[in-house]
N, C-alpha and C. Protein backbone atom coordinates (compact mmCIF):
# COMPACT_ATOMS: atom_id res chain seq x y z
N MET A 1 23.23 -0.58 40.87
CA MET A 1 22.16 -0.48 39.99
C MET A 1 20.76 -1.10 39.97
N GLN A 2 20.27 -1.87 40.31
CA GLN A 2 19.08 -2.24 40.74
C GLN A 2 18.11 -1.37 41.25
N PRO A 3 18.53 -0.68 42.57
CA PRO A 3 17.18 0.42 43.18
C PRO A 3 17.28 1.33 42.27
N MET A 4 18.11 1.86 41.26
CA MET A 4 17.83 2.76 40.31
C MET A 4 16.82 2.55 38.83
N PHE A 5 17.17 1.30 38.75
CA PHE A 5 16.25 0.66 37.71
C PHE A 5 14.68 0.75 38.28
N LEU A 6 14.72 0.28 39.46
CA LEU A 6 13.24 0.39 40.00
C LEU A 6 12.94 1.36 40.45
N ALA A 7 13.50 2.62 40.56
CA ALA A 7 13.10 3.87 40.63
C ALA A 7 12.41 4.36 39.45
N SER A 8 13.30 4.14 38.12
CA SER A 8 12.42 4.93 37.21
C SER A 8 11.60 3.79 36.86
N ILE A 9 11.38 2.71 36.83
CA ILE A 9 9.89 2.11 36.66
C ILE A 9 8.86 2.62 37.49
N GLY A 10 9.23 2.93 38.76
CA GLY A 10 8.19 3.28 39.50
C GLY A 10 7.61 4.79 39.12
N GLY A 11 8.81 5.36 38.53
CA GLY A 11 8.51 6.85 38.22
C GLY A 11 7.52 6.69 36.75
N ILE A 12 7.56 5.79 35.92
CA ILE A 12 7.11 5.70 34.60
C ILE A 12 5.61 5.09 34.98
N ILE A 13 5.44 4.27 35.98
CA ILE A 13 3.99 3.68 36.56
C ILE A 13 3.42 5.11 37.03
N ALA A 14 4.17 5.84 37.55
CA ALA A 14 3.41 7.13 38.37
C ALA A 14 2.91 8.06 37.29
N ALA A 15 3.83 7.99 36.23
CA ALA A 15 3.20 8.91 35.36
C ALA A 15 2.16 8.30 34.46
N VAL A 16 2.30 6.91 34.18
CA VAL A 16 1.13 6.52 33.69
C VAL A 16 -0.12 6.73 34.07
N VAL A 17 0.01 6.39 35.59
CA VAL A 17 -1.20 6.28 36.30
C VAL A 17 -1.76 7.68 36.37
N ILE A 18 -1.16 8.72 36.54
CA ILE A 18 -1.39 10.33 36.32
C ILE A 18 -2.15 10.62 34.97
N VAL A 19 -1.56 10.40 34.16
CA VAL A 19 -2.18 10.22 32.95
C VAL A 19 -3.56 9.60 32.67
N PHE A 20 -3.46 8.11 33.08
CA PHE A 20 -4.86 7.79 33.06
C PHE A 20 -6.32 8.40 33.66
N PHE A 21 -5.70 8.76 34.95
CA PHE A 21 -6.67 9.23 35.86
C PHE A 21 -6.81 10.61 35.13
N THR A 22 -5.98 11.63 34.70
CA THR A 22 -6.30 12.74 33.92
C THR A 22 -7.30 12.62 33.03
N ILE A 23 -7.05 11.47 31.98
CA ILE A 23 -7.91 11.01 30.97
C ILE A 23 -9.33 10.96 31.37
N LEU A 24 -9.21 10.15 32.43
CA LEU A 24 -10.70 9.32 32.79
C LEU A 24 -11.47 10.65 33.67
N VAL A 25 -10.28 11.62 34.36
CA VAL A 25 -11.60 12.87 34.77
C VAL A 25 -12.04 13.72 33.69
N PHE A 26 -11.21 13.81 32.89
CA PHE A 26 -11.59 14.68 31.28
C PHE A 26 -13.11 14.39 30.80
N ILE A 27 -13.15 12.71 30.63
CA ILE A 27 -14.18 12.15 29.99
C ILE A 27 -14.98 12.23 30.63
N VAL A 28 -15.05 12.10 32.09
CA VAL A 28 -16.29 12.00 33.15
C VAL A 28 -16.68 13.30 33.08
N THR A 29 -15.84 14.73 33.31
CA THR A 29 -16.23 15.90 33.36
C THR A 29 -17.15 16.38 32.17
N ARG A 30 -16.80 15.72 30.80
CA ARG A 30 -17.87 16.22 29.51
C ARG A 30 -18.74 15.43 29.47
N ILE A 31 -19.40 14.38 30.17
CA ILE A 31 -20.34 13.65 30.04
C ILE A 31 -21.37 14.11 30.68
N LYS A 32 -22.41 14.92 30.25
CA LYS A 32 -23.58 15.54 30.90
C LYS A 32 -24.85 14.95 30.88
N LYS A 33 -25.59 15.26 31.93
CA LYS A 33 -26.95 14.45 32.03
C LYS A 33 -27.72 15.40 31.64
N CYS A 34 -29.23 15.04 31.17
CA CYS A 34 -29.84 15.71 31.15
C CYS A 34 -31.33 15.40 31.89
N PRO A 35 -32.12 15.97 33.00
CA PRO A 35 -33.15 15.68 33.70
C PRO A 35 -34.34 15.43 33.09
N ALA A 36 -35.19 14.88 33.49
CA ALA A 36 -36.44 14.38 32.93
C ALA A 36 -37.37 15.63 32.40
N ASP A 37 -37.19 16.85 33.40
CA ASP A 37 -37.93 18.04 33.03
C ASP A 37 -37.41 19.10 32.23
N LYS A 38 -36.41 18.76 31.32
CA LYS A 38 -35.39 19.78 30.40
C LYS A 38 -35.07 18.86 29.34
N ILE A 39 -34.84 19.82 28.46
CA ILE A 39 -34.43 19.36 27.11
C ILE A 39 -32.90 19.55 26.91
N MET A 40 -32.02 19.04 26.71
CA MET A 40 -30.66 19.47 26.52
C MET A 40 -30.26 19.77 25.14
N VAL A 41 -29.73 20.85 24.83
CA VAL A 41 -29.58 21.25 23.46
C VAL A 41 -28.19 21.52 23.27
N VAL A 42 -27.75 20.42 22.43
CA VAL A 42 -26.03 20.42 22.18
C VAL A 42 -26.09 20.92 20.66
N TYR A 43 -25.10 22.37 20.52
CA TYR A 43 -24.91 22.69 19.33
C TYR A 43 -23.48 22.99 19.22
N GLY A 44 -23.16 23.32 17.85
CA GLY A 44 -22.01 23.54 17.22
C GLY A 44 -21.93 22.43 16.27
N LYS A 45 -20.95 21.37 16.41
CA LYS A 45 -20.57 20.47 15.26
C LYS A 45 -21.63 19.03 15.88
N VAL A 46 -22.56 18.82 15.23
CA VAL A 46 -23.64 17.73 15.80
C VAL A 46 -23.86 16.96 14.16
N ARG A 47 -24.63 15.89 14.55
CA ARG A 47 -24.44 14.96 13.82
C ARG A 47 -25.38 15.20 12.38
N ASN A 48 -25.50 14.65 11.40
CA ASN A 48 -26.58 14.94 10.39
C ASN A 48 -27.82 14.45 10.71
N ASN A 49 -29.09 14.89 9.90
CA ASN A 49 -30.10 13.77 9.91
C ASN A 49 -29.80 12.85 9.00
N THR A 50 -30.72 11.88 9.36
CA THR A 50 -31.05 10.82 8.32
C THR A 50 -30.96 11.14 6.98
N ASP A 51 -31.53 11.93 6.55
CA ASP A 51 -31.39 12.10 4.76
C ASP A 51 -30.31 12.85 4.32
N GLY A 52 -29.48 13.20 5.50
CA GLY A 52 -27.78 13.98 4.94
C GLY A 52 -27.79 15.11 5.40
N THR A 53 -28.97 15.62 5.64
CA THR A 53 -28.99 17.17 5.80
C THR A 53 -28.21 17.57 7.07
N ARG A 54 -27.98 18.78 7.25
CA ARG A 54 -27.21 19.52 8.42
C ARG A 54 -28.07 19.67 9.28
N LYS A 55 -27.92 19.24 10.59
CA LYS A 55 -28.65 19.99 11.64
C LYS A 55 -27.94 20.64 12.59
N SER A 56 -28.72 21.62 12.98
CA SER A 56 -28.52 23.00 14.00
C SER A 56 -28.20 22.70 15.18
N ALA A 57 -28.57 21.68 15.62
CA ALA A 57 -28.37 21.22 16.98
C ALA A 57 -28.86 19.88 17.38
N ASP A 58 -28.78 19.40 18.21
CA ASP A 58 -28.90 17.90 19.12
C ASP A 58 -29.91 17.97 20.32
N CYS A 59 -31.04 17.39 19.93
CA CYS A 59 -31.88 17.53 21.20
C CYS A 59 -31.91 16.38 22.02
N VAL A 60 -31.54 16.62 23.09
CA VAL A 60 -31.39 15.18 24.17
C VAL A 60 -32.75 15.50 25.13
N HIS A 61 -33.61 14.59 25.65
CA HIS A 61 -34.48 14.50 26.68
C HIS A 61 -34.13 13.17 27.57
N GLY A 62 -34.12 13.22 28.96
CA GLY A 62 -33.54 12.32 29.81
C GLY A 62 -32.70 11.45 29.49
N GLY A 63 -31.74 11.92 29.24
CA GLY A 63 -30.18 11.03 28.61
C GLY A 63 -28.93 11.69 28.94
N THR A 64 -27.81 11.15 28.24
CA THR A 64 -26.64 11.70 28.54
C THR A 64 -25.99 11.94 27.26
N LYS A 65 -25.23 12.64 27.16
CA LYS A 65 -24.58 12.98 26.21
C LYS A 65 -22.84 13.22 26.17
N PHE A 66 -22.04 12.99 25.57
CA PHE A 66 -20.74 13.43 25.82
C PHE A 66 -20.31 14.64 24.97
N ILE A 67 -20.12 15.70 25.56
CA ILE A 67 -19.84 17.17 24.71
C ILE A 67 -18.39 17.31 24.52
N ILE A 68 -17.93 17.17 23.24
CA ILE A 68 -16.75 17.20 22.75
C ILE A 68 -16.24 19.00 23.23
N PRO A 69 -15.31 18.91 23.89
CA PRO A 69 -14.51 20.21 24.16
C PRO A 69 -14.47 21.11 22.90
N VAL A 70 -14.57 22.37 23.15
CA VAL A 70 -13.83 23.42 22.15
C VAL A 70 -14.97 23.18 20.79
N ILE A 71 -15.68 22.13 20.55
CA ILE A 71 -16.45 22.06 19.10
C ILE A 71 -17.50 21.98 19.33
N GLN A 72 -18.33 21.80 20.76
CA GLN A 72 -19.57 21.44 20.86
C GLN A 72 -19.86 22.43 22.50
N ALA A 73 -21.18 22.69 22.60
CA ALA A 73 -21.67 23.66 23.87
C ALA A 73 -23.11 22.93 24.18
N TYR A 74 -23.44 23.30 25.15
CA TYR A 74 -24.99 22.92 25.38
C TYR A 74 -25.55 24.00 26.25
N GLN A 75 -27.14 23.73 26.18
CA GLN A 75 -27.94 24.63 27.17
C GLN A 75 -29.16 23.91 27.23
N PHE A 76 -29.75 24.37 28.24
CA PHE A 76 -31.04 23.44 28.69
C PHE A 76 -32.57 24.15 28.31
N LEU A 77 -33.37 23.70 27.88
CA LEU A 77 -34.74 24.33 27.41
C LEU A 77 -35.78 23.42 28.67
N ASP A 78 -36.22 24.84 28.96
CA ASP A 78 -37.17 23.87 30.61
C ASP A 78 -38.44 23.41 29.80
N LEU A 79 -39.03 22.26 30.05
CA LEU A 79 -40.43 21.77 29.72
C LEU A 79 -41.61 22.01 30.69
N THR A 80 -41.24 22.81 31.73
CA THR A 80 -42.30 23.28 32.52
C THR A 80 -43.48 23.92 32.02
N PRO A 81 -44.71 24.03 31.63
CA PRO A 81 -45.63 24.61 30.88
C PRO A 81 -45.83 26.28 31.64
N MET A 82 -45.92 26.99 30.55
CA MET A 82 -45.78 28.27 31.20
C MET A 82 -47.24 28.80 30.80
N SER A 83 -48.03 30.09 31.57
CA SER A 83 -49.29 30.26 31.18
C SER A 83 -48.89 31.90 30.59
N ILE A 84 -49.60 32.12 29.47
CA ILE A 84 -49.52 33.33 28.93
C ILE A 84 -51.00 34.24 28.68
N PRO A 85 -50.90 35.01 29.32
CA PRO A 85 -52.49 35.86 29.23
C PRO A 85 -52.44 36.50 28.10
N VAL A 86 -53.64 36.15 27.64
CA VAL A 86 -54.35 36.97 25.97
C VAL A 86 -55.22 37.40 26.22
N ASP A 87 -55.37 38.55 26.68
CA ASP A 87 -56.79 39.16 26.77
C ASP A 87 -57.18 40.35 25.78
N LEU A 88 -58.51 39.83 25.43
CA LEU A 88 -59.27 40.01 24.23
C LEU A 88 -59.79 41.40 24.56
N LYS A 89 -59.68 42.59 24.09
CA LYS A 89 -60.22 43.85 24.51
C LYS A 89 -61.18 43.93 23.45
N ASN A 90 -62.46 44.87 23.78
CA ASN A 90 -63.21 45.35 23.06
C ASN A 90 -63.69 44.40 21.85
N ALA A 91 -64.05 43.13 21.90
CA ALA A 91 -64.38 42.12 21.18
C ALA A 91 -65.65 42.64 21.04
N LEU A 92 -66.35 42.22 19.44
CA LEU A 92 -67.62 42.24 19.36
C LEU A 92 -68.44 41.08 19.42
N SER A 93 -69.49 41.02 20.06
CA SER A 93 -70.20 39.67 20.19
C SER A 93 -71.35 39.41 18.71
N ARG A 94 -71.84 38.46 18.92
CA ARG A 94 -73.10 38.21 17.94
C ARG A 94 -74.15 39.18 18.01
N GLN A 95 -74.28 39.48 19.37
CA GLN A 95 -75.56 40.52 19.59
C GLN A 95 -74.73 41.97 19.16
N ASN A 96 -73.55 42.18 18.62
CA ASN A 96 -72.88 43.38 18.63
C ASN A 96 -72.88 44.43 20.03
N ILE A 97 -72.29 43.59 20.71
CA ILE A 97 -72.19 44.14 22.34
C ILE A 97 -70.57 43.83 22.32
N ARG A 98 -69.83 45.15 22.78
CA ARG A 98 -68.71 45.17 23.00
C ARG A 98 -68.11 44.64 24.28
N ILE A 99 -67.31 43.79 24.51
CA ILE A 99 -67.04 42.79 25.60
C ILE A 99 -65.61 42.89 25.69
N ASP A 100 -65.07 42.65 26.99
CA ASP A 100 -63.60 42.29 27.24
C ASP A 100 -63.49 40.53 27.71
N VAL A 101 -62.82 40.13 26.94
CA VAL A 101 -62.60 38.66 27.32
C VAL A 101 -61.04 38.47 27.84
N PRO A 102 -61.17 37.92 28.88
CA PRO A 102 -59.83 37.60 29.50
C PRO A 102 -59.60 36.07 29.50
N SER A 103 -58.14 36.06 28.90
CA SER A 103 -58.10 34.48 28.61
C SER A 103 -56.39 34.10 29.10
N ARG A 104 -56.19 32.76 29.15
CA ARG A 104 -55.03 32.67 29.25
C ARG A 104 -54.33 31.09 28.45
N PHE A 105 -53.51 30.95 28.24
CA PHE A 105 -53.16 29.90 27.40
C PHE A 105 -51.74 29.25 27.73
N THR A 106 -51.76 28.14 28.40
CA THR A 106 -50.84 27.21 29.11
C THR A 106 -50.20 26.29 27.95
N VAL A 107 -48.89 26.96 27.64
CA VAL A 107 -48.38 26.22 26.44
C VAL A 107 -46.77 25.52 27.19
N GLY A 108 -46.58 24.75 26.03
CA GLY A 108 -45.15 23.86 26.68
C GLY A 108 -44.27 23.33 25.61
N ILE A 109 -43.34 23.03 25.52
CA ILE A 109 -42.58 22.13 24.72
C ILE A 109 -42.90 20.73 24.93
N SER A 110 -43.18 19.88 23.73
CA SER A 110 -43.24 18.52 23.50
C SER A 110 -41.92 17.83 23.32
N THR A 111 -41.61 16.65 23.97
CA THR A 111 -40.49 16.11 23.59
C THR A 111 -40.77 15.07 22.29
N GLU A 112 -41.47 15.49 21.45
CA GLU A 112 -41.61 14.90 19.81
C GLU A 112 -39.95 15.36 18.99
N SER A 113 -39.31 14.74 18.49
CA SER A 113 -37.92 15.28 18.10
C SER A 113 -38.11 16.64 17.13
N GLY A 114 -39.20 16.57 16.21
CA GLY A 114 -39.22 17.85 15.58
C GLY A 114 -39.83 19.23 16.33
N VAL A 115 -40.55 19.06 17.44
CA VAL A 115 -41.14 19.98 18.33
C VAL A 115 -39.79 20.65 19.20
N MET A 116 -38.96 19.52 19.19
CA MET A 116 -37.50 19.91 20.25
C MET A 116 -36.98 20.57 19.39
N GLN A 117 -36.81 20.25 18.03
CA GLN A 117 -35.63 20.66 17.14
C GLN A 117 -36.17 22.15 16.94
N ASN A 118 -37.52 22.53 16.60
CA ASN A 118 -37.85 24.04 16.44
C ASN A 118 -37.81 24.63 18.10
N ALA A 119 -38.18 24.30 18.84
CA ALA A 119 -38.03 24.88 20.16
C ALA A 119 -36.54 25.52 20.31
N ALA A 120 -35.50 24.35 20.12
CA ALA A 120 -34.07 24.75 20.06
C ALA A 120 -33.85 25.91 19.32
N GLU A 121 -34.30 26.12 18.13
CA GLU A 121 -33.86 26.92 16.92
C GLU A 121 -34.63 28.20 17.33
N ARG A 122 -35.88 28.30 17.95
CA ARG A 122 -36.50 29.45 18.30
C ARG A 122 -36.27 30.08 19.60
N ILE A 123 -36.36 29.33 20.34
CA ILE A 123 -36.20 30.04 21.68
C ILE A 123 -35.14 29.50 22.58
N LEU A 124 -34.23 29.02 22.36
CA LEU A 124 -32.98 28.85 22.96
C LEU A 124 -32.31 30.28 23.41
N GLY A 125 -31.98 30.34 24.66
CA GLY A 125 -31.27 31.32 25.19
C GLY A 125 -32.12 32.72 25.46
N LEU A 126 -33.53 32.57 25.35
CA LEU A 126 -34.40 33.58 25.77
C LEU A 126 -35.17 33.52 27.06
N GLY A 127 -35.34 34.57 27.73
CA GLY A 127 -35.87 34.65 28.96
C GLY A 127 -37.13 34.18 28.91
N LEU A 128 -37.92 33.97 29.91
CA LEU A 128 -39.32 33.61 30.14
C LEU A 128 -40.07 34.79 29.53
N GLY A 129 -39.85 36.30 29.65
CA GLY A 129 -40.62 37.20 29.18
C GLY A 129 -40.31 37.60 27.74
N GLU A 130 -39.13 36.80 27.21
CA GLU A 130 -38.96 37.57 25.48
C GLU A 130 -39.91 36.34 25.19
N ILE A 131 -40.07 34.92 25.65
CA ILE A 131 -40.83 33.94 25.12
C ILE A 131 -42.34 34.19 24.91
N GLN A 132 -42.80 34.56 26.25
CA GLN A 132 -44.20 35.24 26.34
C GLN A 132 -44.44 36.37 25.29
């Protein structure tokens, strides 16, 4: 009678250990880290603003966030500055001479919360060519 009791307790302990490690692996795999050169945009059900209005996305820069399965998803926005050519053709100078002015703008996303939120709403999921 004694060995059977010990076997059933051993089975229960093994089942509890398996469940514990399954839950631990599930939690660890849902914690996502954001590198310093990117913004992690979490969308789906996110927390509200401090004034009670709803947010469309939660932006994380250089930190970690637990992503709730099925309810939330995430994507990254790159903070690397991009150079956009803006060539001015047939511009009229002060002396009424037509000139071509080649120019380039270097733009990037700021890490201020309002700017990150705007970038997440406007350019998340777009390719480099579409952004330019």
